[in-house]
PDB file of N, CA and C in Angstrom:
ATOM      1  N   UNK A   1      65.412  89.380 122.845  1.00  0.00           N
ATOM      2  CA  UNK A   1      66.815  89.274 122.728  1.00  0.00           C
ATOM      3  C   UNK A   1      67.386  90.343 121.146  1.00  0.00           C
ATOM      4  N   UNK A   2      68.719  91.260 121.500  1.00  0.00           N
ATOM      5  CA  UNK A   2      68.970  91.917 120.611  1.00  0.00           C
ATOM      6  C   UNK A   2      70.283  91.785 120.289  1.00  0.00           C
ATOM      7  N   UNK A   3      70.762  91.471 119.039  1.00  0.00           N
ATOM      8  CA  UNK A   3      72.215  91.364 118.529  1.00  0.00           C
ATOM      9  C   UNK A   3      72.942  92.838 118.724  1.00  0.00           C
ATOM     10  N   UNK A   4      73.764  92.577 119.203  1.00  0.00           N
ATOM     11  CA  UNK A   4      75.312  93.733 119.543  1.00  0.00           C
ATOM     12  C   UNK A   4      75.238  94.698 118.050  1.00  0.00           C
ATOM     13  N   UNK A   5      75.211  94.119 116.823  1.00  0.00           N
ATOM     14  CA  UNK A   5      75.702  94.750 115.784  1.00  0.00           C
ATOM     15  C   UNK A   5      74.704  95.108 115.214  1.00  0.00           C
ATOM     16  N   UNK A   6      73.427  94.837 114.553  1.00  0.00           N
ATOM     17  CA  UNK A   6      72.164  95.286 113.581  1.00  0.00           C
ATOM     18  C   UNK A   6      71.211  95.702 114.836  1.00  0.00           C
ATOM     19  N   UNK A   7      71.401  95.383 115.816  1.00  0.00           N
ATOM     20  CA  UNK A   7      70.322  95.618 116.875  1.00  0.00           C
ATOM     21  C   UNK A   7      68.871  95.252 116.556  1.00  0.00           C
ATOM     22  N   UNK A   8      68.989  94.247 115.640  1.00  0.00           N
ATOM     23  CA  UNK A   8      67.883  93.272 115.264  1.00  0.00           C
ATOM     24  C   UNK A   8      66.798  92.006 116.521  1.00  0.00           C
ATOM     25  N   UNK A   9      66.188  92.391 117.063  1.00  0.00           N
ATOM     26  CA  UNK A   9      65.793  91.455 117.755  1.00  0.00           C
ATOM     27  C   UNK A   9      65.450  89.919 117.028  1.00  0.00           C
ATOM     28  N   UNK A  10      66.321  89.172 117.486  1.00  0.00           N
ATOM     29  CA  UNK A  10      66.349  87.895 117.478  1.00  0.00           C
ATOM     30  C   UNK A  10      65.895  86.667 118.462  1.00  0.00           C
ATOM     31  N   UNK A  11      65.676  85.348 118.482  1.00  0.00           N
ATOM     32  CA  UNK A  11      65.526  84.667 119.684  1.00  0.00           C
ATOM     33  C   UNK A  11      66.625  83.652 119.782  1.00  0.00           C
ATOM     34  N   UNK A  12      68.227  83.431 118.654  1.00  0.00           N
ATOM     35  CA  UNK A  12      69.430  83.111 119.183  1.00  0.00           C
ATOM     36  C   UNK A  12      70.465  83.947 118.933  1.00  0.00           C
ATOM     37  N   UNK A  13      71.274  83.974 119.949  1.00  0.00           N
ATOM     38  CA  UNK A  13      72.220  84.441 119.492  1.00  0.00           C
ATOM     39  C   UNK A  13      73.695  84.219 119.930  1.00  0.00           C
ATOM     40  N   UNK A  14      74.476  84.071 119.025  1.00  0.00           N
ATOM     41  CA  UNK A  14      75.821  83.605 119.055  1.00  0.00           C
ATOM     42  C   UNK A  14      76.733  83.983 119.634  1.00  0.00           C
ATOM     43  N   UNK A  15      77.827  83.705 120.766  1.00  0.00           N
ATOM     44  CA  UNK A  15      78.730  84.679 121.095  1.00  0.00           C
ATOM     45  C   UNK A  15      80.140  84.523 120.285  1.00  0.00           C
ATOM     46  N   UNK A  16      80.374  85.441 119.638  1.00  0.00           N
ATOM     47  CA  UNK A  16      81.181  85.597 118.790  1.00  0.00           C
ATOM     48  C   UNK A  16      82.847  86.529 119.741  1.00  0.00           C
ATOM     49  N   UNK A  17      84.291  86.200 119.737  1.00  0.00           N
ATOM     50  CA  UNK A  17      85.225  86.695 119.871  1.00  0.00           C
ATOM     51  C   UNK A  17      85.566  87.725 118.923  1.00  0.00           C
ATOM     52  N   UNK A  18      85.556  88.933 119.625  1.00  0.00           N
ATOM     53  CA  UNK A  18      86.172  89.707 117.944  1.00  0.00           C
ATOM     54  C   UNK A  18      86.997  90.503 119.266  1.00  0.00           C
ATOM     55  N   UNK A  19      87.986  90.055 118.422  1.00  0.00           N
ATOM     56  CA  UNK A  19      89.615  90.836 119.668  1.00  0.00           C
ATOM     57  C   UNK A  19      89.789  90.255 120.579  1.00  0.00           C
ATOM     58  N   UNK A  20      89.987  90.687 121.730  1.00  0.00           N
ATOM     59  CA  UNK A  20      89.745  90.185 123.276  1.00  0.00           C
ATOM     60  C   UNK A  20      88.426  89.807 123.609  1.00  0.00           C
ATOM     61  N   UNK A  21      87.380  90.686 122.958  1.00  0.00           N
ATOM     62  CA  UNK A  21      86.089  90.893 123.714  1.00  0.00           C
ATOM     63  C   UNK A  21      85.308  89.707 122.714  1.00  0.00           C
ATOM     64  N   UNK A  22      84.184  89.258 123.851  1.00  0.00           N
ATOM     65  CA  UNK A  22      83.270  88.408 123.277  1.00  0.00           C
ATOM     66  C   UNK A  22      81.799  89.131 122.968  1.00  0.00           C
ATOM     67  N   UNK A  23      81.053  89.420 122.204  1.00  0.00           N
ATOM     68  CA  UNK A  23      80.284  90.060 121.642  1.00  0.00           C
ATOM     69  C   UNK A  23      79.061  88.884 120.995  1.00  0.00           C
ATOM     70  N   UNK A  24      77.179  89.009 121.204  1.00  0.00           N
ATOM     71  CA  UNK A  24      76.249  88.328 121.012  1.00  0.00           C
ATOM     72  C   UNK A  24      75.475  88.795 119.913  1.00  0.00           C
ATOM     73  N   UNK A  25      76.083  87.909 119.018  1.00  0.00           N
ATOM     74  CA  UNK A  25      75.844  88.272 117.388  1.00  0.00           C
ATOM     75  C   UNK A  25      74.460  87.552 116.932  1.00  0.00           C
ATOM     76  N   UNK A  26      73.626  87.754 116.182  1.00  0.00           N
ATOM     77  CA  UNK A  26      73.020  86.901 115.369  1.00  0.00           C
ATOM     78  C   UNK A  26      73.425  86.086 114.535  1.00  0.00           C
ATOM     79  N   UNK A  27      73.013  85.006 113.659  1.00  0.00           N
ATOM     80  CA  UNK A  27      74.038  84.295 113.105  1.00  0.00           C
ATOM     81  C   UNK A  27      74.711  84.702 111.526  1.00  0.00           C
ATOM     82  N   UNK A  28      73.455  86.017 111.352  1.00  0.00           N
ATOM     83  CA  UNK A  28      74.011  86.399 109.889  1.00  0.00           C
ATOM     84  C   UNK A  28      75.558  87.429 110.395  1.00  0.00           C
ATOM     85  N   UNK A  29      75.190  88.133 110.946  1.00  0.00           N
ATOM     86  CA  UNK A  29      76.246  89.406 111.646  1.00  0.00           C
ATOM     87  C   UNK A  29      77.543  88.164 112.067  1.00  0.00           C
ATOM     88  N   UNK A  30      77.438  87.388 112.790  1.00  0.00           N
ATOM     89  CA  UNK A  30      78.225  86.515 113.313  1.00  0.00           C
ATOM     90  C   UNK A  30      79.063  86.151 112.106  1.00  0.00           C
ATOM     91  N   UNK A  31      78.336  85.325 110.816  1.00  0.00           N
ATOM     92  CA  UNK A  31      79.149  84.886 110.012  1.00  0.00           C
ATOM     93  C   UNK A  31      79.985  85.757 109.256  1.00  0.00           C
ATOM     94  N   UNK A  32      79.251  87.403 109.116  1.00  0.00           N
ATOM     95  CA  UNK A  32      80.286  88.326 108.460  1.00  0.00           C
ATOM     96  C   UNK A  32      81.387  88.916 109.505  1.00  0.00           C
ATOM     97  N   UNK A  33      81.359  88.476 110.547  1.00  0.00           N
ATOM     98  CA  UNK A  33      82.233  88.962 111.636  1.00  0.00           C
ATOM     99  C   UNK A  33      83.463  88.196 111.644  1.00  0.00           C
ATOM    100  N   UNK A  34      83.048  86.684 111.460  1.00  0.00           N
ATOM    101  CA  UNK A  34      84.462  85.725 111.622  1.00  0.00           C
ATOM    102  C   UNK A  34      84.769  86.113 109.914  1.00  0.00           C
ATOM    103  N   UNK A  35      84.137  85.977 109.249  1.00  0.00           N
ATOM    104  CA  UNK A  35      84.833  86.232 107.968  1.00  0.00           C
ATOM    105  C   UNK A  35      85.597  87.118 107.657  1.00  0.00           C
ATOM    106  N   UNK A  36      85.213  88.357 107.800  1.00  0.00           N
ATOM    107  CA  UNK A  36      86.032  89.827 108.114  1.00  0.00           C
ATOM    108  C   UNK A  36      87.545  89.263 108.934  1.00  0.00           C
ATOM    109  N   UNK A  37      87.206  88.530 110.218  1.00  0.00           N
ATOM    110  CA  UNK A  37      88.156  88.205 111.083  1.00  0.00           C
ATOM    111  C   UNK A  37      89.368  87.505 110.500  1.00  0.00           C
ATOM    112  N   UNK A  38      88.642  86.399 109.308  1.00  0.00           N
ATOM    113  CA  UNK A  38      89.492  85.946 108.814  1.00  0.00           C
ATOM    114  C   UNK A  38      90.649  85.995 107.869  1.00  0.00           C
ATOM    115  N   UNK A  39      89.950  87.088 106.867  1.00  0.00           N
ATOM    116  CA  UNK A  39      90.215  87.962 105.896  1.00  0.00           C
ATOM    117  C   UNK A  39      91.537  88.738 106.630  1.00  0.00           C
ATOM    118  N   UNK A  40      91.133  89.131 107.561  1.00  0.00           N
ATOM    119  CA  UNK A  40      92.444  90.345 108.369  1.00  0.00           C
ATOM    120  C   UNK A  40      93.494  89.511 108.700  1.00  0.00           C
ATOM    121  N   UNK A  41      93.395  88.273 109.319  1.00  0.00           N
ATOM    122  CA  UNK A  41      94.300  87.597 109.796  1.00  0.00           C
ATOM    123  C   UNK A  41      95.142  87.045 108.506  1.00  0.00           C
ATOM    124  N   UNK A  42      94.287  86.796 107.295  1.00  0.00           N
ATOM    125  CA  UNK A  42      95.399  86.528 106.092  1.00  0.00           C
ATOM    126  C   UNK A  42      96.453  87.389 105.743  1.00  0.00           C
ATOM    127  N   UNK A  43      95.473  88.522 105.676  1.00  0.00           N
ATOM    128  CA  UNK A  43      96.147  89.879 105.454  1.00  0.00           C
ATOM    129  C   UNK A  43      97.013  90.229 106.104  1.00  0.00           C
ATOM    130  N   UNK A  44      97.665  89.989 107.191  1.00  0.00           N
ATOM    131  CA  UNK A  44      98.677  90.251 107.952  1.00  0.00           C
ATOM    132  C   UNK A  44      99.780  89.554 108.172  1.00  0.00           C
ATOM    133  N   UNK A  45      98.950  88.413 108.073  1.00  0.00           N
ATOM    134  CA  UNK A  45     100.052  86.760 107.457  1.00  0.00           C
ATOM    135  C   UNK A  45     101.381  87.341 106.315  1.00  0.00           C
ATOM    136  N   UNK A  46     100.152  87.777 105.493  1.00  0.00           N
ATOM    137  CA  UNK A  46     100.620  87.829 104.224  1.00  0.00           C
ATOM    138  C   UNK A  46     101.668  88.685 104.041  1.00  0.00           C
ATOM    139  N   UNK A  47     101.259  89.981 104.994  1.00  0.00           N
ATOM    140  CA  UNK A  47     101.931  91.236 104.979  1.00  0.00           C
ATOM    141  C   UNK A  47     103.179  91.119 105.511  1.00  0.00           C
ATOM    142  N   UNK A  48     103.318  90.336 106.862  1.00  0.00           N
ATOM    143  CA  UNK A  48     104.163  89.898 107.795  1.00  0.00           C
ATOM    144  C   UNK A  48     105.379  89.236 106.293  1.00  0.00           C
ATOM    145  N   UNK A  49     104.716  87.807 105.798  1.00  0.00           N
ATOM    146  CA  UNK A  49     106.239  87.619 104.867  1.00  0.00           C
ATOM    147  C   UNK A  49     106.713  88.168 103.790  1.00  0.00           C
ATOM    148  N   UNK A  50     105.543  89.143 103.292  1.00  0.00           N
ATOM    149  CA  UNK A  50     105.892  89.916 102.447  1.00  0.00           C
ATOM    150  C   UNK A  50     106.990  90.810 102.513  1.00  0.00           C
ATOM    151  N   UNK A  51     107.387  91.118 104.328  1.00  0.00           N
ATOM    152  CA  UNK A  51     108.387  92.376 104.493  1.00  0.00           C
ATOM    153  C   UNK A  51     109.095  91.292 105.477  1.00  0.00           C
ATOM    154  N   UNK A  52     109.195  90.070 105.283  1.00  0.00           N
ATOM    155  CA  UNK A  52     110.063  88.839 106.138  1.00  0.00           C
ATOM    156  C   UNK A  52     110.216  89.256 107.608  1.00  0.00           C
ATOM    157  N   UNK A  53     109.168  89.285 107.993  1.00  0.00           N
ATOM    158  CA  UNK A  53     109.146  89.619 109.590  1.00  0.00           C
ATOM    159  C   UNK A  53     109.533  88.271 110.815  1.00  0.00           C
ATOM    160  N   UNK A  54     110.079  88.710 111.205  1.00  0.00           N
ATOM    161  CA  UNK A  54     110.962  86.968 112.195  1.00  0.00           C
ATOM    162  C   UNK A  54     110.211  87.108 113.717  1.00  0.00           C
ATOM    163  N   UNK A  55     109.686  88.560 114.048  1.00  0.00           N
ATOM    164  CA  UNK A  55     109.661  88.836 115.240  1.00  0.00           C
ATOM    165  C   UNK A  55     108.153  87.990 115.893  1.00  0.00           C
ATOM    166  N   UNK A  56     108.158  88.280 117.526  1.00  0.00           N
ATOM    167  CA  UNK A  56     106.183  88.406 117.594  1.00  0.00           C
ATOM    168  C   UNK A  56     105.419  89.027 117.466  1.00  0.00           C
ATOM    169  N   UNK A  57     104.213  88.471 117.354  1.00  0.00           N
ATOM    170  CA  UNK A  57     103.401  89.627 117.134  1.00  0.00           C
ATOM    171  C   UNK A  57     103.086  90.492 118.438  1.00  0.00           C
ATOM    172  N   UNK A  58     102.417  91.876 118.470  1.00  0.00           N
ATOM    173  CA  UNK A  58     102.133  92.238 119.465  1.00  0.00           C
ATOM    174  C   UNK A  58     100.902  92.282 119.752  1.00  0.00           C
TER     175      UNK A  58
END
């Protein structure tokens, strides 16, 4: 099986939700993508707090 991120052949792929899509990634890529998603979510939250955003997220 081949990782959709790095194109390496691996024994086991982990399904990871990226945005609205589920991608099958190797363990290393899955960890990197999850960390990047967590950082992006935290950054967005902090930006909304700074701008005193009260509405819904689109």
